[in-house]
Amino acid sequence: MKRMNIGLLGIGTVGGGVFELLKSNLNEIQRKTLTDIKIVAVAEKDIARAKEIVGSSIEVTDDALKLVSDKNIDVIVELIGGTTIAKDLVIKAIENKKHVVTANKALLANFGNELFALAKKNNVILAFEASVAGGIPILKSIKEGLAGNKIEWVAGIINGTTNFILTQMREKGETFAQALSEAQSLGYAEADPTFDIEGIDAAHKLTILAALSFGIPMSFKDVYVEGIKALEQKDIQYAEELGYRIKLLGIAKKRDQGIELRVHPTLIPEKRLIANVNGAMNAVLVKGNMVGPTLYYGAGAGALPTASAVVADLIDISRSTNVPLHGFDETKIDNIPIYSIDDAISGYYLRIRVSDKPGVLAEITKLFGDKKISIDAMLQKEPKEHKTEADIVILSHLAVEKNINAIIHSIESMPATIGKVIKIRLEELSK
């Protein structure tokens, strides 16, 4: 049986999970690989804590550069996170001819193109299944299981924190602030939840999904990003009345002249399976031109689910897989234009707060007619007792975003309109 020595950078939540998984499933992994995959060294700032986890038989150091230069180590597993020190260590490991496994979506989204080229130059593997959707093998499914298809679109709930918040708002009637506080108390959200609730984490993951789906460079800077902070309880309720659920989706769509890359709250018909993915779970829909829509569901974070993806990459390396790092041959990556969000095509939910006066609704519907945009459904809420304001909710058929924005501008200019119009995009996710 051959031996594969692993150097582990970071033994926090996921690193501890990798250690536990390799220890618990040792025999099963050996049966599948004929390889003894062993962690031989760990780099961690808190040496005492690391030794408590791995014991005395494994070297523990606070010098990560020592591991990436160690000739006895075959594969570096990077679980530090971030795009500074982690980037330097990954580059050094690759230059030292070591394979690298990482769960670092921010690193790949921002510097993946550079790292892939370096890995190819040094004839090593850079594996990153754990960077998207935790334990769901979505990247392998796209690169391998769906390799015979042209991917037409991808839409995913790829951030568990925001999905938990939206679930609490819908099921328990909590406000955004209440649901966020609960997410933080349960460990789903960080003390600073910005990356999650602003959609940045999902945008990192969408960048990777799109690159592997369409054979394009990593294009994080081109992703339109909108978080969930502006959502109110009434939007969740109105969507329910109209037969929809609101989810934060990462969406990548191939169109004739380019690709849409966008992260934002989205209305989904409640009958779709993905609309019923609740709590902190993740799910990704992938539409192939031959297979049709396929759904992948599971835990998108956590020690053992993410460790499962890390170890799957280690197993691939032990088998000397020849699947291209990017899913496409590196000489065949297309520089396809990314559409501006102004040119995106979607359905739209608009919530409009107005004074309760005659003719307001007719004036609003005329604006849609002037732009030749059809209205699919409408709710006109009666003012509460002793109130003179009411909500009008409109669902449009497919429209170009800039045309919807022009309508919104006109609505907001009407004397009867109170405040800003709330806009949420709508996706049928059926074809």
Protein backbone atom coordinates (compact mmCIF):
# COMPACT_ATOMS: atom_id res chain seq x y z
CA MET A 1 0.00 0.00 0.00
CA LYS A 2 1.38 3.40 -0.99
CA ARG A 3 1.60 6.33 1.42
CA MET A 4 0.43 9.93 0.96
CA ASN A 5 1.63 12.42 3.57
CA ILE A 6 -0.58 15.41 4.34
CA GLY A 7 0.42 18.77 5.78
CA LEU A 8 -2.58 20.50 7.33
CA LEU A 9 -2.62 24.32 7.49
CA GLY A 10 -5.12 25.23 10.19
CA ILE A 11 -6.98 22.92 12.54
CA GLY A 12 -10.08 24.92 13.36
CA THR A 13 -13.59 23.63 12.75
CA VAL A 14 -12.96 22.14 9.30
CA GLY A 15 -9.37 21.08 10.02
CA GLY A 16 -10.56 19.20 13.08
CA GLY A 17 -13.23 17.57 10.95
CA VAL A 18 -10.66 16.44 8.38
CA PHE A 19 -8.53 14.89 11.13
CA GLU A 20 -11.56 13.10 12.62
CA LEU A 21 -12.79 11.83 9.26
CA LEU A 22 -9.42 10.45 8.20
CA LYS A 23 -9.07 8.74 11.57
CA SER A 24 -12.60 7.32 11.74
CA ASN A 25 -12.87 6.17 8.11
CA LEU A 26 -9.26 5.02 7.67
CA ASN A 27 -10.10 1.47 6.63
CA GLU A 28 -12.84 2.53 4.22
CA ILE A 29 -10.57 5.07 2.55
CA GLN A 30 -7.76 2.53 2.23
CA ARG A 31 -10.16 0.06 0.62
CA LYS A 32 -11.10 2.67 -1.97
CA THR A 33 -7.63 4.02 -2.71
CA LEU A 34 -5.04 1.41 -1.71
CA THR A 35 -3.34 4.43 -0.12
CA ASP A 36 -2.47 5.20 3.47
CA ILE A 37 -3.49 8.89 3.65
CA LYS A 38 -1.88 10.32 6.78
CA ILE A 39 -1.71 13.77 8.32
CA VAL A 40 1.94 13.99 9.34
CA ALA A 41 2.18 17.67 10.31
CA VAL A 42 -0.13 20.49 11.35
CA ALA A 43 0.50 24.25 11.28
CA GLU A 44 -1.55 26.17 13.82
CA LYS A 45 -0.99 29.35 15.85
CA ASP A 46 -2.43 27.76 18.97
CA ILE A 47 0.03 24.88 19.32
CA ALA A 48 -1.35 23.64 22.64
CA ARG A 49 -4.88 23.38 21.27
CA ALA A 50 -3.66 21.62 18.11
CA LYS A 51 -1.77 19.04 20.18
CA GLU A 52 -4.91 18.34 22.20
CA ILE A 53 -6.71 17.45 18.96
CA VAL A 54 -4.06 15.43 17.10
CA GLY A 55 -2.02 13.95 19.94
CA SER A 56 1.73 13.43 20.20
CA SER A 57 2.31 11.32 17.08
CA ILE A 58 1.79 14.22 14.65
CA GLU A 59 4.17 17.17 14.34
CA VAL A 60 2.62 20.50 15.33
CA THR A 61 4.23 23.83 14.46
CA ASP A 62 3.28 27.49 14.22
CA ASP A 63 5.51 27.84 11.14
CA ALA A 64 3.28 27.20 8.12
CA LEU A 65 6.14 27.93 5.69
CA LYS A 66 8.00 24.96 7.16
CA LEU A 67 5.18 22.63 6.05
CA VAL A 68 4.88 23.93 2.49
CA SER A 69 8.64 23.43 2.09
CA ASP A 70 8.84 20.02 3.78
CA LYS A 71 10.04 17.40 1.27
CA ASN A 72 8.32 14.66 3.28
CA ILE A 73 4.86 16.14 2.60
CA ASP A 74 3.02 15.27 -0.61
CA VAL A 75 -0.18 17.32 -0.26
CA ILE A 76 -0.94 20.59 1.53
CA VAL A 77 -4.49 21.09 2.82
CA GLU A 78 -5.10 24.84 3.24
CA LEU A 79 -7.86 25.66 5.74
CA ILE A 80 -6.62 29.03 7.00
CA GLY A 81 -8.96 31.14 4.87
CA GLY A 82 -8.58 34.67 3.58
CA THR A 83 -6.61 35.95 0.61
CA THR A 84 -3.31 37.13 2.08
CA ILE A 85 -1.27 34.59 4.04
CA ALA A 86 -3.25 31.71 2.55
CA LYS A 87 -2.44 32.88 -0.97
CA ASP A 88 1.29 33.09 -0.23
CA LEU A 89 1.31 29.61 1.29
CA VAL A 90 -0.62 28.03 -1.58
CA ILE A 91 1.71 29.60 -4.14
CA LYS A 92 4.76 28.39 -2.21
CA ALA A 93 3.34 24.88 -1.93
CA ILE A 94 2.63 24.71 -5.66
CA GLU A 95 6.08 26.04 -6.52
CA ASN A 96 7.47 23.27 -4.31
CA LYS A 97 5.61 20.73 -6.50
CA LYS A 98 3.03 19.84 -3.86
CA HIS A 99 -0.61 19.15 -4.60
CA VAL A 100 -2.99 21.50 -2.77
CA VAL A 101 -6.51 21.00 -1.43
CA THR A 102 -8.38 24.08 -0.26
CA ALA A 103 -11.82 25.12 0.96
CA ASN A 104 -10.99 28.79 0.38
CA LYS A 105 -13.69 30.21 -1.92
CA ALA A 106 -12.51 33.82 -1.53
CA LEU A 107 -8.99 32.86 -2.61
CA LEU A 108 -10.22 31.03 -5.70
CA ALA A 109 -12.81 33.63 -6.69
CA ASN A 110 -10.20 36.40 -6.58
CA PHE A 111 -6.99 34.59 -7.62
CA GLY A 112 -8.09 31.26 -9.09
CA ASN A 113 -6.96 32.06 -12.63
CA GLU A 114 -3.42 32.77 -11.44
CA LEU A 115 -3.33 29.69 -9.19
CA PHE A 116 -4.63 27.33 -11.90
CA ALA A 117 -1.95 28.52 -14.29
CA LEU A 118 0.73 28.03 -11.64
CA ALA A 119 -0.53 24.54 -10.81
CA LYS A 120 -0.45 23.55 -14.47
CA LYS A 121 3.07 24.94 -14.86
CA ASN A 122 4.26 22.85 -11.90
CA ASN A 123 2.27 19.76 -12.90
CA VAL A 124 0.35 19.52 -9.63
CA ILE A 125 -3.31 19.35 -8.70
CA LEU A 126 -5.20 22.24 -7.06
CA ALA A 127 -8.44 20.74 -5.72
CA PHE A 128 -11.30 22.75 -4.19
CA GLU A 129 -14.51 20.73 -3.89
CA ALA A 130 -15.03 22.03 -0.34
CA SER A 131 -15.07 25.66 -1.52
CA VAL A 132 -18.71 25.52 -2.62
CA ALA A 133 -21.71 24.09 -0.74
CA GLY A 134 -19.78 22.17 1.92
CA GLY A 135 -20.50 18.47 1.72
CA ILE A 136 -22.52 18.60 -1.51
CA PRO A 137 -20.33 17.23 -4.35
CA ILE A 138 -21.54 19.92 -6.73
CA LEU A 139 -18.22 20.73 -8.41
CA LYS A 140 -17.47 17.08 -9.17
CA SER A 141 -20.99 16.69 -10.52
CA ILE A 142 -20.49 19.59 -12.91
CA LYS A 143 -16.95 18.60 -13.95
CA GLU A 144 -17.59 14.87 -14.25
CA GLY A 145 -21.20 13.67 -13.95
CA LEU A 146 -22.55 16.40 -16.26
CA ALA A 147 -19.47 16.65 -18.49
CA GLY A 148 -21.46 15.51 -21.55
CA ASN A 149 -23.87 18.45 -21.23
CA LYS A 150 -23.75 22.10 -22.12
CA ILE A 151 -24.68 23.82 -18.87
CA GLU A 152 -27.41 26.37 -19.56
CA TRP A 153 -27.88 27.81 -16.07
CA VAL A 154 -27.04 27.29 -12.42
CA ALA A 155 -29.07 28.60 -9.48
CA GLY A 156 -28.17 27.88 -5.88
CA ILE A 157 -28.89 28.50 -2.24
CA ILE A 158 -25.20 28.56 -1.39
CA ASN A 159 -25.14 30.46 1.89
CA GLY A 160 -26.67 28.68 4.87
CA THR A 161 -26.73 31.75 7.13
CA THR A 162 -29.03 33.76 4.87
CA ASN A 163 -31.21 30.72 4.19
CA PHE A 164 -31.63 30.24 7.95
CA ILE A 165 -32.57 33.91 8.40
CA LEU A 166 -35.15 33.83 5.59
CA THR A 167 -36.60 30.58 6.92
CA GLN A 168 -37.05 32.08 10.39
CA MET A 169 -38.69 35.17 8.91
CA ARG A 170 -41.16 33.00 6.98
CA GLU A 171 -41.88 30.23 9.48
CA LYS A 172 -41.75 32.16 12.76
CA GLY A 173 -42.62 35.68 11.66
CA GLU A 174 -39.33 37.07 12.95
CA THR A 175 -37.89 40.34 11.75
CA PHE A 176 -34.59 40.35 9.92
CA ALA A 177 -32.82 41.62 13.04
CA GLN A 178 -34.37 38.91 15.23
CA ALA A 179 -33.50 36.12 12.78
CA LEU A 180 -29.92 37.39 12.43
CA SER A 181 -29.49 37.47 16.20
CA GLU A 182 -30.72 33.89 16.43
CA ALA A 183 -28.36 32.81 13.63
CA GLN A 184 -25.46 34.34 15.56
CA SER A 185 -26.47 32.65 18.83
CA LEU A 186 -26.57 29.27 17.06
CA GLY A 187 -23.19 29.78 15.39
CA TYR A 188 -24.57 30.05 11.84
CA ALA A 189 -23.52 33.70 11.56
CA GLU A 190 -20.31 35.42 12.63
CA ALA A 191 -20.22 38.36 15.03
CA ASP A 192 -19.63 40.42 11.86
CA PRO A 193 -22.08 38.82 9.40
CA THR A 194 -21.34 41.19 6.51
CA PHE A 195 -19.99 38.61 4.04
CA ASP A 196 -23.10 36.46 4.51
CA ILE A 197 -25.96 38.96 4.66
CA GLU A 198 -24.51 41.22 1.94
CA GLY A 199 -24.21 38.26 -0.46
CA ILE A 200 -20.41 38.36 -0.80
CA ASP A 201 -19.87 34.77 0.37
CA ALA A 202 -22.47 33.54 -2.12
CA ALA A 203 -20.82 35.62 -4.87
CA HIS A 204 -17.46 33.94 -4.22
CA LYS A 205 -19.11 30.55 -4.62
CA LEU A 206 -21.10 31.58 -7.69
CA THR A 207 -17.85 32.72 -9.33
CA ILE A 208 -16.47 29.20 -8.97
CA LEU A 209 -19.69 27.51 -10.10
CA ALA A 210 -19.88 29.68 -13.21
CA ALA A 211 -16.24 29.09 -14.15
CA LEU A 212 -16.68 25.33 -14.00
CA SER A 213 -20.10 25.35 -15.66
CA PHE A 214 -19.26 27.52 -18.66
CA GLY A 215 -15.49 27.23 -19.04
CA ILE A 216 -14.79 30.90 -18.28
CA PRO A 217 -12.18 32.59 -16.09
CA MET A 218 -12.99 33.31 -12.46
CA SER A 219 -14.84 36.65 -12.68
CA PHE A 220 -15.75 37.72 -9.15
CA LYS A 221 -15.48 41.42 -10.01
CA ASP A 222 -18.25 40.97 -12.59
CA VAL A 223 -20.82 39.41 -10.24
CA TYR A 224 -23.79 41.62 -9.34
CA VAL A 225 -24.25 41.31 -5.57
CA GLU A 226 -27.26 42.26 -3.44
CA GLY A 227 -27.89 41.03 0.10
CA ILE A 228 -30.99 40.47 2.21
CA LYS A 229 -30.86 43.40 4.67
CA ALA A 230 -33.60 45.34 2.89
CA LEU A 231 -36.17 42.53 3.12
CA GLU A 232 -39.07 43.09 5.47
CA GLN A 233 -41.52 40.66 7.02
CA LYS A 234 -44.28 41.98 4.74
CA ASP A 235 -42.30 40.97 1.63
CA ILE A 236 -42.09 37.40 2.91
CA GLN A 237 -45.87 37.43 3.57
CA TYR A 238 -46.82 39.00 0.22
CA ALA A 239 -44.67 36.48 -1.63
CA GLU A 240 -46.48 33.66 0.20
CA GLU A 241 -49.86 35.08 -0.79
CA LEU A 242 -48.75 35.08 -4.42
CA GLY A 243 -47.44 31.48 -4.24
CA TYR A 244 -43.72 32.22 -3.93
CA ARG A 245 -40.86 31.87 -1.45
CA ILE A 246 -37.95 34.30 -1.17
CA LYS A 247 -34.41 32.85 -1.19
CA LEU A 248 -30.98 34.41 -1.63
CA LEU A 249 -29.85 32.79 -4.88
CA GLY A 250 -26.62 32.78 -6.81
CA ILE A 251 -27.62 32.66 -10.48
CA ALA A 252 -25.42 32.08 -13.54
CA LYS A 253 -27.15 31.99 -16.93
CA LYS A 254 -25.68 31.45 -20.39
CA ARG A 255 -27.26 33.71 -23.00
CA ASP A 256 -26.53 34.22 -26.70
CA GLN A 257 -24.10 37.10 -26.24
CA GLY A 258 -22.74 36.47 -22.78
CA ILE A 259 -23.41 35.31 -19.23
CA GLU A 260 -25.44 36.69 -16.33
CA LEU A 261 -23.76 36.44 -12.93
CA ARG A 262 -25.91 37.69 -10.06
CA VAL A 263 -26.57 37.15 -6.37
CA HIS A 264 -29.75 38.61 -4.87
CA PRO A 265 -32.99 37.79 -3.05
CA THR A 266 -35.24 35.94 -5.48
CA LEU A 267 -38.88 34.88 -5.63
CA ILE A 268 -39.22 31.18 -6.50
CA PRO A 269 -42.54 29.36 -7.06
CA GLU A 270 -43.33 27.50 -3.84
CA LYS A 271 -43.88 24.25 -5.79
CA ARG A 272 -40.19 24.09 -6.77
CA LEU A 273 -38.11 21.74 -4.62
CA ILE A 274 -35.44 24.37 -4.09
CA ALA A 275 -38.06 26.76 -2.66
CA ASN A 276 -38.57 24.24 0.15
CA VAL A 277 -34.93 24.04 1.21
CA ASN A 278 -35.03 25.50 4.69
CA GLY A 279 -32.81 26.26 7.68
CA ALA A 280 -29.07 26.35 7.10
CA MET A 281 -29.14 23.78 4.28
CA ASN A 282 -27.80 24.41 0.77
CA ALA A 283 -29.11 23.34 -2.63
CA VAL A 284 -27.96 23.88 -6.20
CA LEU A 285 -29.99 23.47 -9.40
CA VAL A 286 -27.99 22.81 -12.57
CA LYS A 287 -29.69 22.78 -15.98
CA GLY A 288 -27.89 20.72 -18.64
CA ASN A 289 -29.07 20.87 -22.24
CA MET A 290 -29.50 17.07 -22.34
CA VAL A 291 -30.26 16.03 -18.77
CA GLY A 292 -32.52 18.97 -17.88
CA PRO A 293 -32.65 20.48 -14.36
CA THR A 294 -30.84 18.46 -11.66
CA LEU A 295 -30.94 19.29 -7.94
CA TYR A 296 -28.16 18.78 -5.37
CA TYR A 297 -29.06 19.18 -1.68
CA GLY A 298 -27.22 18.86 1.60
CA ALA A 299 -25.25 20.51 4.38
CA GLY A 300 -23.40 23.52 3.03
CA ALA A 301 -21.10 24.01 6.01
CA GLY A 302 -19.95 22.41 9.25
CA ALA A 303 -16.93 20.40 10.29
CA LEU A 304 -17.74 16.96 8.93
CA PRO A 305 -19.71 17.88 5.76
CA THR A 306 -16.90 20.19 4.61
CA ALA A 307 -14.27 17.67 5.69
CA SER A 308 -16.07 15.10 3.52
CA ALA A 309 -15.39 17.28 0.48
CA VAL A 310 -11.76 17.89 1.48
CA VAL A 311 -11.09 14.16 1.88
CA ALA A 312 -12.83 13.42 -1.43
CA ASP A 313 -10.24 15.67 -3.07
CA LEU A 314 -7.44 13.84 -1.26
CA ILE A 315 -8.82 10.56 -2.56
CA ASP A 316 -8.90 11.94 -6.11
CA ILE A 317 -5.27 12.97 -5.80
CA SER A 318 -4.34 9.52 -4.48
CA ARG A 319 -5.97 8.05 -7.57
CA SER A 320 -4.01 10.48 -9.78
CA THR A 321 -7.16 11.80 -11.42
CA ASN A 322 -6.71 13.52 -14.79
CA VAL A 323 -9.85 15.68 -14.67
CA PRO A 324 -8.81 19.24 -15.65
CA LEU A 325 -8.58 21.53 -12.61
CA HIS A 326 -11.02 23.97 -14.17
CA GLY A 327 -13.31 21.29 -15.64
CA PHE A 328 -12.22 22.44 -19.12
CA ASP A 329 -8.87 22.14 -20.86
CA GLU A 330 -6.87 25.20 -19.85
CA THR A 331 -6.36 26.18 -23.51
CA LYS A 332 -10.14 26.24 -24.08
CA ILE A 333 -11.25 28.77 -21.47
CA ASP A 334 -13.62 31.30 -23.10
CA ASN A 335 -13.54 35.02 -22.35
CA ILE A 336 -17.30 35.41 -22.73
CA PRO A 337 -18.77 38.83 -21.87
CA ILE A 338 -20.57 39.14 -18.53
CA TYR A 339 -23.86 41.02 -18.79
CA SER A 340 -24.41 44.14 -16.73
CA ILE A 341 -27.26 43.74 -14.22
CA ASP A 342 -29.11 46.41 -16.27
CA ASP A 343 -29.35 43.89 -19.11
CA ALA A 344 -30.44 40.92 -16.98
CA ILE A 345 -33.77 39.32 -17.83
CA SER A 346 -36.05 38.29 -15.00
CA GLY A 347 -39.53 38.55 -13.59
CA TYR A 348 -39.96 41.19 -10.89
CA TYR A 349 -41.79 41.70 -7.62
CA LEU A 350 -42.44 45.36 -6.82
CA ARG A 351 -43.84 46.56 -3.49
CA ILE A 352 -45.10 50.12 -3.75
CA ARG A 353 -46.31 52.19 -0.79
CA VAL A 354 -48.88 54.76 -1.91
CA SER A 355 -51.43 57.21 -0.60
CA ASP A 356 -54.93 55.74 -0.85
CA LYS A 357 -56.25 57.94 -3.67
CA PRO A 358 -58.32 57.21 -6.81
CA GLY A 359 -56.42 56.59 -10.04
CA VAL A 360 -53.08 55.60 -8.51
CA LEU A 361 -53.25 51.96 -9.60
CA ALA A 362 -54.33 52.91 -13.12
CA GLU A 363 -51.39 55.30 -13.41
CA ILE A 364 -48.97 52.58 -12.31
CA THR A 365 -50.34 49.92 -14.67
CA LYS A 366 -50.14 52.42 -17.56
CA LEU A 367 -46.38 52.73 -16.94
CA PHE A 368 -46.04 48.96 -17.47
CA GLY A 369 -48.13 49.15 -20.64
CA ASP A 370 -46.00 51.98 -22.03
CA LYS A 371 -42.91 49.77 -21.64
CA LYS A 372 -44.81 46.76 -23.06
CA ILE A 373 -44.19 44.76 -19.88
CA SER A 374 -46.99 42.41 -18.86
CA ILE A 375 -48.24 42.19 -15.28
CA ASP A 376 -48.58 38.59 -14.07
CA ALA A 377 -50.27 39.18 -10.71
CA MET A 378 -51.22 42.02 -8.40
CA LEU A 379 -52.15 42.54 -4.76
CA GLN A 380 -53.78 45.76 -3.58
CA LYS A 381 -53.83 45.86 0.20
CA GLU A 382 -56.55 47.91 1.89
CA PRO A 383 -55.34 50.59 4.30
CA LYS A 384 -55.57 49.69 7.96
CA GLU A 385 -58.22 51.50 9.99
CA HIS A 386 -57.52 55.24 10.33
CA LYS A 387 -54.59 54.93 7.89
CA THR A 388 -54.31 56.59 4.50
CA GLU A 389 -51.46 54.52 3.06
CA ALA A 390 -51.52 51.09 1.42
CA ASP A 391 -49.23 48.63 -0.33
CA ILE A 392 -49.55 47.64 -3.96
CA VAL A 393 -47.64 44.49 -4.95
CA ILE A 394 -47.02 43.70 -8.61
CA LEU A 395 -45.44 40.64 -10.24
CA SER A 396 -44.23 41.21 -13.79
CA HIS A 397 -43.56 38.76 -16.57
CA LEU A 398 -40.01 38.58 -17.96
CA ALA A 399 -38.48 41.99 -18.55
CA VAL A 400 -35.09 43.62 -19.03
CA GLU A 401 -33.91 45.14 -15.76
CA LYS A 402 -33.26 48.62 -17.14
CA ASN A 403 -36.88 48.84 -18.32
CA ILE A 404 -38.14 47.85 -14.87
CA ASN A 405 -35.80 50.42 -13.32
CA ALA A 406 -37.26 53.10 -15.62
CA ILE A 407 -40.75 52.19 -14.42
CA ILE A 408 -39.61 52.29 -10.79
CA HIS A 409 -38.11 55.74 -11.33
CA SER A 410 -41.42 56.97 -12.75
CA ILE A 411 -43.41 55.40 -9.90
CA GLU A 412 -41.14 56.97 -7.28
CA SER A 413 -41.68 60.35 -8.97
CA MET A 414 -45.48 60.14 -8.57
CA PRO A 415 -46.92 62.43 -5.87
CA ALA A 416 -48.87 59.52 -4.38
CA THR A 417 -45.81 57.28 -3.90
CA ILE A 418 -44.35 57.07 -0.41
CA GLY A 419 -40.67 56.12 -0.08
CA LYS A 420 -38.75 53.77 -2.33
CA VAL A 421 -40.14 50.92 -4.38
CA ILE A 422 -38.94 47.54 -3.15
CA LYS A 423 -37.75 45.33 -6.02
CA ILE A 424 -37.07 41.59 -5.82
CA ARG A 425 -36.24 39.48 -8.86
CA LEU A 426 -38.28 36.37 -9.69
CA GLU A 427 -37.03 33.12 -11.24
CA GLU A 428 -39.26 30.21 -12.33
CA LEU A 429 -36.25 27.78 -12.44
CA SER A 430 -38.14 25.35 -14.68
CA LYS A 431 -36.56 25.57 -18.12
